[in-house]
C-alpha atoms as a PDB file:
ATOM      1  CA  MET A   1       0.336  39.218 183.322  1.00  0.00           C
ATOM      2  CA  LYS A   2      -2.776  37.422 184.325  1.00  0.00           C
ATOM      3  CA  THR A   3      -5.971  39.282 184.649  1.00  0.00           C
ATOM      4  CA  HIS A   4      -7.974  36.458 186.080  1.00  0.00           C
ATOM      5  CA  VAL A   5      -7.526  33.670 188.538  1.00  0.00           C
ATOM      6  CA  ASN A   6      -9.297  30.328 188.199  1.00  0.00           C
ATOM      7  CA  LEU A   7     -10.685  29.415 191.579  1.00  0.00           C
ATOM      8  CA  LEU A   8     -12.528  26.304 190.470  1.00  0.00           C
ATOM      9  CA  PRO A   9     -11.386  23.081 192.031  1.00  0.00           C
ATOM     10  CA  PHE A  10      -8.850  21.028 190.120  1.00  0.00           C
ATOM     11  CA  ALA A  11     -11.138  17.958 189.801  1.00  0.00           C
ATOM     12  CA  TYR A  12     -13.880  20.114 188.272  1.00  0.00           C
ATOM     13  CA  ARG A  13     -11.455  21.693 185.814  1.00  0.00           C
ATOM     14  CA  ARG A  14     -10.124  18.291 184.876  1.00  0.00           C
ATOM     15  CA  ARG A  15     -13.687  17.047 184.274  1.00  0.00           C
ATOM     16  CA  GLN A  16     -14.396  20.065 182.028  1.00  0.00           C
ATOM     17  CA  LEU A  17     -11.191  19.465 180.071  1.00  0.00           C
ATOM     18  CA  ILE A  18     -12.068  15.805 179.604  1.00  0.00           C
ATOM     19  CA  LEU A  19     -15.617  16.696 178.492  1.00  0.00           C
ATOM     20  CA  ARG A  20     -14.280  19.306 176.045  1.00  0.00           C
ATOM     21  CA  ARG A  21     -11.818  16.789 174.574  1.00  0.00           C
ATOM     22  CA  LEU A  22     -14.499  14.141 174.513  1.00  0.00           C
ATOM     23  CA  ARG A  23     -16.875  16.453 172.587  1.00  0.00           C
ATOM     24  CA  LEU A  24     -14.087  17.293 170.151  1.00  0.00           C
ATOM     25  CA  TRP A  25     -13.249  13.646 169.556  1.00  0.00           C
ATOM     26  CA  LEU A  26     -16.922  12.713 169.306  1.00  0.00           C
ATOM     27  CA  ARG A  27     -17.334  15.323 166.589  1.00  0.00           C
ATOM     28  CA  ILE A  28     -14.241  14.016 164.782  1.00  0.00           C
ATOM     29  CA  TRP A  29     -15.383  10.393 165.103  1.00  0.00           C
ATOM     30  CA  GLY A  30     -18.927  11.361 164.138  1.00  0.00           C
ATOM     31  CA  LEU A  31     -17.680  13.196 161.059  1.00  0.00           C
ATOM     32  CA  ALA A  32     -15.400  10.242 160.189  1.00  0.00           C
ATOM     33  CA  GLY A  33     -18.362   7.873 160.678  1.00  0.00           C
ATOM     34  CA  ILE A  34     -20.548   9.969 158.386  1.00  0.00           C
ATOM     35  CA  VAL A  35     -17.807  10.074 155.730  1.00  0.00           C
ATOM     36  CA  MET A  36     -17.250   6.310 156.016  1.00  0.00           C
ATOM     37  CA  ALA A  37     -20.999   5.651 155.922  1.00  0.00           C
ATOM     38  CA  SER A  38     -21.395   7.779 152.796  1.00  0.00           C
ATOM     39  CA  VAL A  39     -18.401   6.076 151.112  1.00  0.00           C
ATOM     40  CA  GLY A  40     -19.788   2.673 152.141  1.00  0.00           C
ATOM     41  CA  TRP A  41     -23.218   3.620 150.859  1.00  0.00           C
ATOM     42  CA  HIS A  42     -21.681   4.744 147.568  1.00  0.00           C
ATOM     43  CA  HIS A  43     -19.781   1.431 147.182  1.00  0.00           C
ATOM     44  CA  TRP A  44     -22.798  -0.598 148.247  1.00  0.00           C
ATOM     45  CA  SER A  45     -25.027   1.187 145.686  1.00  0.00           C
ATOM     46  CA  GLN A  46     -22.396   0.580 142.990  1.00  0.00           C
ATOM     47  CA  LEU A  47     -22.259  -3.090 143.999  1.00  0.00           C
ATOM     48  CA  ARG A  48     -26.072  -3.358 143.826  1.00  0.00           C
ATOM     49  CA  ALA A  49     -26.066  -1.645 140.414  1.00  0.00           C
ATOM     50  CA  GLY A  50     -23.335  -4.036 139.211  1.00  0.00           C
ATOM     51  CA  GLU A  51     -25.293  -7.031 140.491  1.00  0.00           C
ATOM     52  CA  ALA A  52     -28.423  -5.787 138.730  1.00  0.00           C
ATOM     53  CA  ARG A  53     -26.445  -5.299 135.499  1.00  0.00           C
ATOM     54  CA  LEU A  54     -24.886  -8.757 135.856  1.00  0.00           C
ATOM     55  CA  ALA A  55     -28.315 -10.319 136.392  1.00  0.00           C
ATOM     56  CA  SER A  56     -29.610  -8.450 133.326  1.00  0.00           C
ATOM     57  CA  LEU A  57     -26.655  -9.617 131.216  1.00  0.00           C
ATOM     58  CA  ARG A  58     -27.074 -13.195 132.423  1.00  0.00           C
ATOM     59  CA  HIS A  59     -30.745 -13.026 131.529  1.00  0.00           C
ATOM     60  CA  GLN A  60     -29.866 -11.679 128.061  1.00  0.00           C
ATOM     61  CA  HIS A  61     -27.095 -14.261 127.658  1.00  0.00           C
ATOM     62  CA  ALA A  62     -29.240 -17.244 128.719  1.00  0.00           C
ATOM     63  CA  PRO A  63     -30.689 -17.872 125.222  1.00  0.00           C
ATOM     64  CA  VAL A  64     -27.184 -17.814 123.750  1.00  0.00           C
ATOM     65  CA  VAL A  65     -25.961 -20.356 126.304  1.00  0.00           C
ATOM     66  CA  LYS A  66     -29.010 -22.525 125.635  1.00  0.00           C
ATOM     67  CA  ALA A  67     -28.483 -22.274 121.880  1.00  0.00           C
ATOM     68  CA  LYS A  68     -24.798 -23.151 122.284  1.00  0.00           C
ATOM     69  CA  THR A  69     -25.549 -26.267 124.337  1.00  0.00           C
ATOM     70  CA  GLU A  70     -28.217 -27.294 121.827  1.00  0.00           C
ATOM     71  CA  SER A  71     -25.784 -26.634 118.983  1.00  0.00           C
ATOM     72  CA  ASP A  72     -23.089 -28.717 120.659  1.00  0.00           C
ATOM     73  CA  SER A  73     -25.491 -31.598 121.263  1.00  0.00           C
ATOM     74  CA  LEU A  74     -26.761 -31.389 117.672  1.00  0.00           C
ATOM     75  CA  ARG A  75     -23.188 -31.280 116.345  1.00  0.00           C
ATOM     76  CA  GLN A  76     -22.359 -34.391 118.355  1.00  0.00           C
ATOM     77  CA  ARG A  77     -25.541 -36.099 117.109  1.00  0.00           C
ATOM     78  CA  ILE A  78     -24.646 -35.170 113.517  1.00  0.00           C
ATOM     79  CA  GLN A  79     -21.180 -36.692 113.937  1.00  0.00           C
ATOM     80  CA  GLU A  80     -22.696 -39.885 115.342  1.00  0.00           C
ATOM     81  CA  LEU A  81     -25.175 -40.060 112.458  1.00  0.00           C
ATOM     82  CA  GLN A  82     -22.410 -39.428 109.908  1.00  0.00           C
ATOM     83  CA  GLN A  83     -20.357 -42.254 111.396  1.00  0.00           C
ATOM     84  CA  ARG A  84     -23.374 -44.538 111.252  1.00  0.00           C
ATOM     85  CA  GLU A  85     -24.065 -43.443 107.684  1.00  0.00           C
ATOM     86  CA  VAL A  86     -20.488 -44.153 106.606  1.00  0.00           C
ATOM     87  CA  LEU A  87     -20.695 -47.586 108.206  1.00  0.00           C
ATOM     88  CA  ALA A  88     -24.083 -48.311 106.636  1.00  0.00           C
ATOM     89  CA  LEU A  89     -22.904 -47.139 103.199  1.00  0.00           C
ATOM     90  CA  SER A  90     -19.736 -49.176 103.407  1.00  0.00           C
ATOM     91  CA  LEU A  91     -21.727 -52.260 104.389  1.00  0.00           C
ATOM     92  CA  ALA A  92     -24.319 -51.619 101.667  1.00  0.00           C
ATOM     93  CA  ASP A  93     -21.698 -51.028  98.967  1.00  0.00           C
ATOM     94  CA  GLU A  94     -19.593 -54.054  99.771  1.00  0.00           C
ATOM     95  CA  GLN A  95     -20.252 -57.230  97.918  1.00  0.00           C
ATOM     96  CA  PRO A  96     -19.764 -59.905 100.530  1.00  0.00           C
ATOM     97  CA  MET A  97     -17.117 -62.396  99.585  1.00  0.00           C
ATOM     98  CA  LEU A  98     -19.497 -65.318 100.014  1.00  0.00           C
ATOM     99  CA  THR A  99     -21.872 -63.772  97.463  1.00  0.00           C
ATOM    100  CA  LEU A 100     -19.029 -63.441  94.973  1.00  0.00           C
ATOM    101  CA  LEU A 101     -17.949 -67.022  95.578  1.00  0.00           C
ATOM    102  CA  GLY A 102     -21.546 -68.141  95.135  1.00  0.00           C
ATOM    103  CA  TRP A 103     -21.788 -66.477  91.725  1.00  0.00           C
ATOM    104  CA  LEU A 104     -18.428 -67.941  90.700  1.00  0.00           C
ATOM    105  CA  SER A 105     -19.448 -71.468  91.678  1.00  0.00           C
ATOM    106  CA  ARG A 106     -22.826 -71.068  89.924  1.00  0.00           C
ATOM    107  CA  ALA A 107     -21.059 -69.933  86.733  1.00  0.00           C
ATOM    108  CA  ALA A 108     -18.576 -72.830  86.992  1.00  0.00           C
ATOM    109  CA  ARG A 109     -21.460 -75.296  87.527  1.00  0.00           C
ATOM    110  CA  GLN A 110     -23.024 -74.111  84.268  1.00  0.00           C
ATOM    111  CA  CYS A 111     -19.885 -75.313  82.503  1.00  0.00           C
ATOM    112  CA  GLY A 112     -20.469 -78.912  83.640  1.00  0.00           C
ATOM    113  CA  GLY A 113     -17.225 -79.324  85.601  1.00  0.00           C
ATOM    114  CA  ALA A 114     -15.037 -78.549  82.582  1.00  0.00           C
ATOM    115  CA  ILE A 115     -13.515 -75.491  84.247  1.00  0.00           C
ATOM    116  CA  SER A 116     -11.676 -74.853  87.502  1.00  0.00           C
ATOM    117  CA  ILE A 117     -10.539 -71.717  89.282  1.00  0.00           C
ATOM    118  CA  GLN A 118      -7.031 -72.085  90.616  1.00  0.00           C
ATOM    119  CA  GLU A 119      -6.418 -68.605  91.966  1.00  0.00           C
ATOM    120  CA  LEU A 120      -8.557 -65.590  92.686  1.00  0.00           C
ATOM    121  CA  LYS A 121      -7.306 -62.180  93.669  1.00  0.00           C
ATOM    122  CA  LEU A 122      -9.515 -59.431  95.056  1.00  0.00           C
ATOM    123  CA  ASP A 123      -8.468 -55.768  94.889  1.00  0.00           C
ATOM    124  CA  ARG A 124     -10.699 -53.223  96.617  1.00  0.00           C
ATOM    125  CA  HIS A 125     -10.402 -49.454  96.513  1.00  0.00           C
ATOM    126  CA  GLU A 126     -12.597 -46.487  97.305  1.00  0.00           C
ATOM    127  CA  ALA A 127     -13.775 -44.446  94.366  1.00  0.00           C
ATOM    128  CA  PRO A 128     -12.532 -40.821  94.372  1.00  0.00           C
ATOM    129  CA  ASN A 129     -15.978 -39.363  93.661  1.00  0.00           C
ATOM    130  CA  ALA A 130     -18.259 -37.820  96.278  1.00  0.00           C
ATOM    131  CA  ASN A 131     -20.409 -40.886  97.010  1.00  0.00           C
ATOM    132  CA  ARG A 132     -17.357 -42.823  98.277  1.00  0.00           C
ATOM    133  CA  ARG A 133     -18.518 -46.066  96.734  1.00  0.00           C
ATOM    134  CA  THR A 134     -16.143 -48.943  97.262  1.00  0.00           C
ATOM    135  CA  THR A 135     -15.255 -50.719  94.007  1.00  0.00           C
ATOM    136  CA  GLY A 136     -13.268 -53.806  93.427  1.00  0.00           C
ATOM    137  CA  VAL A 137     -11.679 -56.015  90.800  1.00  0.00           C
ATOM    138  CA  LEU A 138     -11.733 -59.771  91.051  1.00  0.00           C
ATOM    139  CA  THR A 139      -9.053 -61.503  88.963  1.00  0.00           C
ATOM    140  CA  LEU A 140      -9.565 -65.208  88.277  1.00  0.00           C
ATOM    141  CA  ASP A 141      -6.854 -67.564  87.007  1.00  0.00           C
ATOM    142  CA  GLY A 142      -7.800 -71.126  86.154  1.00  0.00           C
ATOM    143  CA  VAL A 143      -7.853 -74.043  83.781  1.00  0.00           C
ATOM    144  CA  ALA A 144     -10.549 -75.165  81.307  1.00  0.00           C
ATOM    145  CA  THR A 145     -10.857 -77.994  78.818  1.00  0.00           C
ATOM    146  CA  ASP A 146     -11.439 -75.792  75.780  1.00  0.00           C
ATOM    147  CA  ASP A 147     -12.189 -72.261  74.536  1.00  0.00           C
ATOM    148  CA  GLN A 148     -15.955 -72.821  74.462  1.00  0.00           C
ATOM    149  CA  THR A 149     -15.943 -73.616  78.185  1.00  0.00           C
ATOM    150  CA  VAL A 150     -14.013 -70.424  78.951  1.00  0.00           C
ATOM    151  CA  ALA A 151     -16.484 -68.453  76.781  1.00  0.00           C
ATOM    152  CA  ARG A 152     -19.484 -70.068  78.557  1.00  0.00           C
ATOM    153  CA  PHE A 153     -17.935 -69.290  81.968  1.00  0.00           C
ATOM    154  CA  THR A 154     -17.295 -65.663  80.994  1.00  0.00           C
ATOM    155  CA  GLU A 155     -20.830 -65.306  79.619  1.00  0.00           C
ATOM    156  CA  ALA A 156     -22.308 -66.819  82.809  1.00  0.00           C
ATOM    157  CA  LEU A 157     -20.393 -64.253  84.888  1.00  0.00           C
ATOM    158  CA  LYS A 158     -21.699 -61.428  82.666  1.00  0.00           C
ATOM    159  CA  ASN A 159     -25.278 -62.715  82.950  1.00  0.00           C
ATOM    160  CA  SER A 160     -25.081 -62.833  86.759  1.00  0.00           C
ATOM    161  CA  GLN A 161     -25.454 -59.021  86.811  1.00  0.00           C
ATOM    162  CA  THR A 162     -23.193 -58.943  89.847  1.00  0.00           C
ATOM    163  CA  PHE A 163     -20.249 -57.560  87.949  1.00  0.00           C
ATOM    164  CA  VAL A 164     -20.067 -54.228  86.128  1.00  0.00           C
ATOM    165  CA  ARG A 165     -17.499 -55.497  83.684  1.00  0.00           C
ATOM    166  CA  VAL A 166     -16.254 -59.017  82.834  1.00  0.00           C
ATOM    167  CA  GLU A 167     -13.236 -59.270  80.539  1.00  0.00           C
ATOM    168  CA  LEU A 168     -11.282 -62.249  79.349  1.00  0.00           C
ATOM    169  CA  LYS A 169      -7.733 -60.960  79.647  1.00  0.00           C
ATOM    170  CA  GLN A 170      -5.683 -63.917  78.498  1.00  0.00           C
ATOM    171  CA  THR A 171      -5.927 -67.516  77.341  1.00  0.00           C
ATOM    172  CA  SER A 172      -3.187 -69.933  76.451  1.00  0.00           C
ATOM    173  CA  THR A 173      -2.949 -73.569  75.503  1.00  0.00           C
ATOM    174  CA  PHE A 174      -0.864 -76.078  77.413  1.00  0.00           C
ATOM    175  CA  GLU A 175      -0.702 -79.825  77.858  1.00  0.00           C
ATOM    176  CA  LEU A 176      -2.104 -81.371  81.002  1.00  0.00           C
ATOM    177  CA  GLY A 177      -1.825 -85.143  81.489  1.00  0.00           C
ATOM    178  CA  GLY A 178      -1.490 -85.813  77.769  1.00  0.00           C
ATOM    179  CA  MET A 179      -4.496 -83.623  76.902  1.00  0.00           C
ATOM    180  CA  GLN A 180      -4.764 -80.109  75.567  1.00  0.00           C
ATOM    181  CA  ALA A 181      -6.065 -77.603  78.164  1.00  0.00           C
ATOM    182  CA  ARG A 182      -6.659 -73.854  78.280  1.00  0.00           C
ATOM    183  CA  SER A 183      -5.400 -71.565  81.001  1.00  0.00           C
ATOM    184  CA  TYR A 184      -7.310 -68.315  81.326  1.00  0.00           C
ATOM    185  CA  THR A 185      -7.340 -65.012  83.181  1.00  0.00           C
ATOM    186  CA  VAL A 186     -10.683 -63.260  83.662  1.00  0.00           C
ATOM    187  CA  GLU A 187     -11.056 -59.833  85.258  1.00  0.00           C
ATOM    188  CA  CYS A 188     -14.389 -58.941  86.847  1.00  0.00           C
ATOM    189  CA  ALA A 189     -15.079 -55.423  88.108  1.00  0.00           C
ATOM    190  CA  PHE A 190     -17.844 -54.774  90.643  1.00  0.00           C
END
């Protein structure tokens, strides 16, 4: 049973109902906005703190990056210098072939044309020690008129100070055009 009767006009009641609902929804939306703003503020402050930490770490890491780039450039420079050093050492250690031929012809000239070189063989190899010096052995086969000429030729090669070791490996006598001749094998290490 009703104890009261609402005599207000229907349009007025409808306006009151709409205002009441509007206030309710405004409170809900306001509360939701405050919650979202506080969550957004929390995330934004975390983002700012993360950015500050990242900037700090980048600032701390900058010397390491600089040192790494300098180290890489120095490592590359060292490799280039080592390659140049190897090339320079190999060129400095090598006895040019023309120099060897020059010493051979000078030694043969000292024998007055009584000796000839028929074959020369050059063997080069790198020494196993740490300085990587290239060594070689020059083997000479030829013909001479007598033993004294072969001895003079061998002594001239020793006196040239180009070779570390000069050894007469073999001599033999044979006949050449009705004359006695000597074939020889000389080994010269440099």
